[in-house]
Amino acid sequence: MRQRLLLPYVLLLLFLNLAPRVPSSSMANGDKLAHFAMFLLLGFIGFARWPYLLPIPFLTEPLQLFIPDRTFSLADMGANLIGFALGVLFGWLYEGRDEGAQLLNEG
């Protein structure tokens, strides 16, 4: 199920991150929270394909330099990467719980 959601979600994520107009948040640093949440979900959905998805959190911010009314932000890129890494970790943990994945060596 998650694999079928991956491509549509990647396209939605790219659209939201590269659209000229972006909704603003009334909360302080709300955009960082939004970046974190978007990429957390990406990492969770696509954890099995994380090496192929890893460029996305890096590239969305520099690409915003070429889009009107958008700016590059290292803080946003950091939120992207932290969210993605945690999403991959959560996806790996979630997938392993059904298969009895051994997380610790008991031997």
Protein backbone atom coordinates (compact mmCIF):
# COMPACT_ATOMS: atom_id res chain seq x y z
CA MET A 1 0.00 0.00 0.00
CA ARG A 2 2.73 2.45 0.95
CA GLN A 3 4.59 1.79 -2.30
CA ARG A 4 1.54 2.81 -4.35
CA LEU A 5 1.46 6.11 -2.48
CA LEU A 6 5.11 6.90 -3.07
CA LEU A 7 5.05 8.38 -6.59
CA PRO A 8 1.91 10.52 -6.05
CA TYR A 9 3.34 11.76 -2.75
CA VAL A 10 6.72 12.62 -4.31
CA LEU A 11 4.92 14.60 -7.02
CA LEU A 12 2.79 16.40 -4.42
CA LEU A 13 5.87 17.15 -2.33
CA LEU A 14 7.72 18.57 -5.32
CA PHE A 15 4.72 20.66 -6.27
CA LEU A 16 4.34 22.08 -2.77
CA ASN A 17 8.06 22.81 -2.43
CA LEU A 18 8.51 24.30 -5.89
CA ALA A 19 5.25 26.23 -6.36
CA PRO A 20 5.65 30.02 -6.64
CA ARG A 21 3.14 30.77 -3.91
CA VAL A 22 3.27 29.10 -0.57
CA PRO A 23 0.79 29.43 2.30
CA SER A 24 2.24 31.15 5.34
CA SER A 25 1.99 29.97 8.90
CA SER A 26 0.97 32.18 11.79
CA MET A 27 3.04 30.02 14.13
CA ALA A 28 6.68 30.96 14.68
CA ASN A 29 8.89 28.62 12.62
CA GLY A 30 5.76 26.91 11.33
CA ASP A 31 7.39 26.44 7.93
CA LYS A 32 10.16 24.37 9.55
CA LEU A 33 7.55 22.15 11.15
CA ALA A 34 5.80 21.78 7.78
CA HIS A 35 9.08 20.82 6.07
CA PHE A 36 9.83 18.33 8.85
CA ALA A 37 6.38 16.72 8.60
CA MET A 38 6.38 16.51 4.79
CA PHE A 39 9.74 14.80 4.66
CA LEU A 40 9.01 12.59 7.67
CA LEU A 41 6.10 11.16 5.70
CA LEU A 42 8.28 10.79 2.61
CA GLY A 43 10.87 8.84 4.59
CA PHE A 44 8.20 6.65 6.16
CA ILE A 45 6.44 5.86 2.89
CA GLY A 46 9.61 5.31 0.89
CA PHE A 47 12.04 3.97 3.48
CA ALA A 48 12.85 0.91 1.34
CA ARG A 49 13.95 3.20 -1.49
CA TRP A 50 15.69 5.83 0.64
CA PRO A 51 18.92 5.97 -1.41
CA TYR A 52 16.91 7.02 -4.46
CA LEU A 53 14.84 9.53 -2.50
CA LEU A 54 17.72 11.11 -0.57
CA PRO A 55 18.43 13.81 -3.18
CA ILE A 56 14.91 15.22 -2.79
CA PRO A 57 15.41 16.79 0.68
CA PHE A 58 18.70 18.28 -0.54
CA LEU A 59 17.55 19.60 -3.91
CA THR A 60 14.20 21.19 -3.16
CA GLU A 61 15.75 24.15 -1.35
CA PRO A 62 18.39 25.13 -3.95
CA LEU A 63 15.79 24.76 -6.71
CA GLN A 64 13.69 27.42 -4.95
CA LEU A 65 16.33 29.98 -5.98
CA PHE A 66 14.91 29.78 -9.52
CA ILE A 67 11.27 30.23 -8.49
CA PRO A 68 9.71 33.67 -8.00
CA ASP A 69 8.79 34.55 -4.40
CA ARG A 70 10.74 31.57 -2.99
CA THR A 71 14.03 31.64 -1.11
CA PHE A 72 16.75 29.20 -0.13
CA SER A 73 16.98 28.35 3.57
CA LEU A 74 19.53 26.13 5.28
CA ALA A 75 17.12 25.76 8.21
CA ASP A 76 14.43 24.41 5.89
CA MET A 77 16.95 22.01 4.34
CA GLY A 78 17.89 20.85 7.83
CA ALA A 79 14.23 20.26 8.68
CA ASN A 80 13.87 18.32 5.43
CA LEU A 81 16.83 16.08 6.21
CA ILE A 82 15.95 15.46 9.86
CA GLY A 83 12.36 14.64 8.95
CA PHE A 84 13.44 12.33 6.14
CA ALA A 85 15.98 10.49 8.32
CA LEU A 86 13.47 9.97 11.12
CA GLY A 87 10.83 8.85 8.62
CA VAL A 88 13.19 6.24 7.19
CA LEU A 89 13.99 5.04 10.71
CA PHE A 90 10.29 4.86 11.66
CA GLY A 91 9.50 3.03 8.40
CA TRP A 92 12.23 0.51 9.06
CA LEU A 93 11.02 -0.03 12.63
CA TYR A 94 7.38 -0.27 11.53
CA GLU A 95 8.15 -2.76 8.76
CA GLY A 96 10.27 -4.88 11.04
CA ARG A 97 7.63 -5.23 13.77
CA ASP A 98 5.46 -7.54 11.63
CA GLU A 99 8.33 -9.71 10.50
CA GLY A 100 9.93 -10.09 13.90
CA ALA A 101 12.99 -8.10 12.94
CA GLN A 102 15.64 -8.45 15.59
CA LEU A 103 16.88 -5.02 16.56
CA LEU A 104 19.29 -6.16 19.27
CA ASN A 105 21.76 -9.00 19.26
CA GLU A 106 20.71 -11.28 22.10
CA GLY A 107 23.53 -13.73 21.53
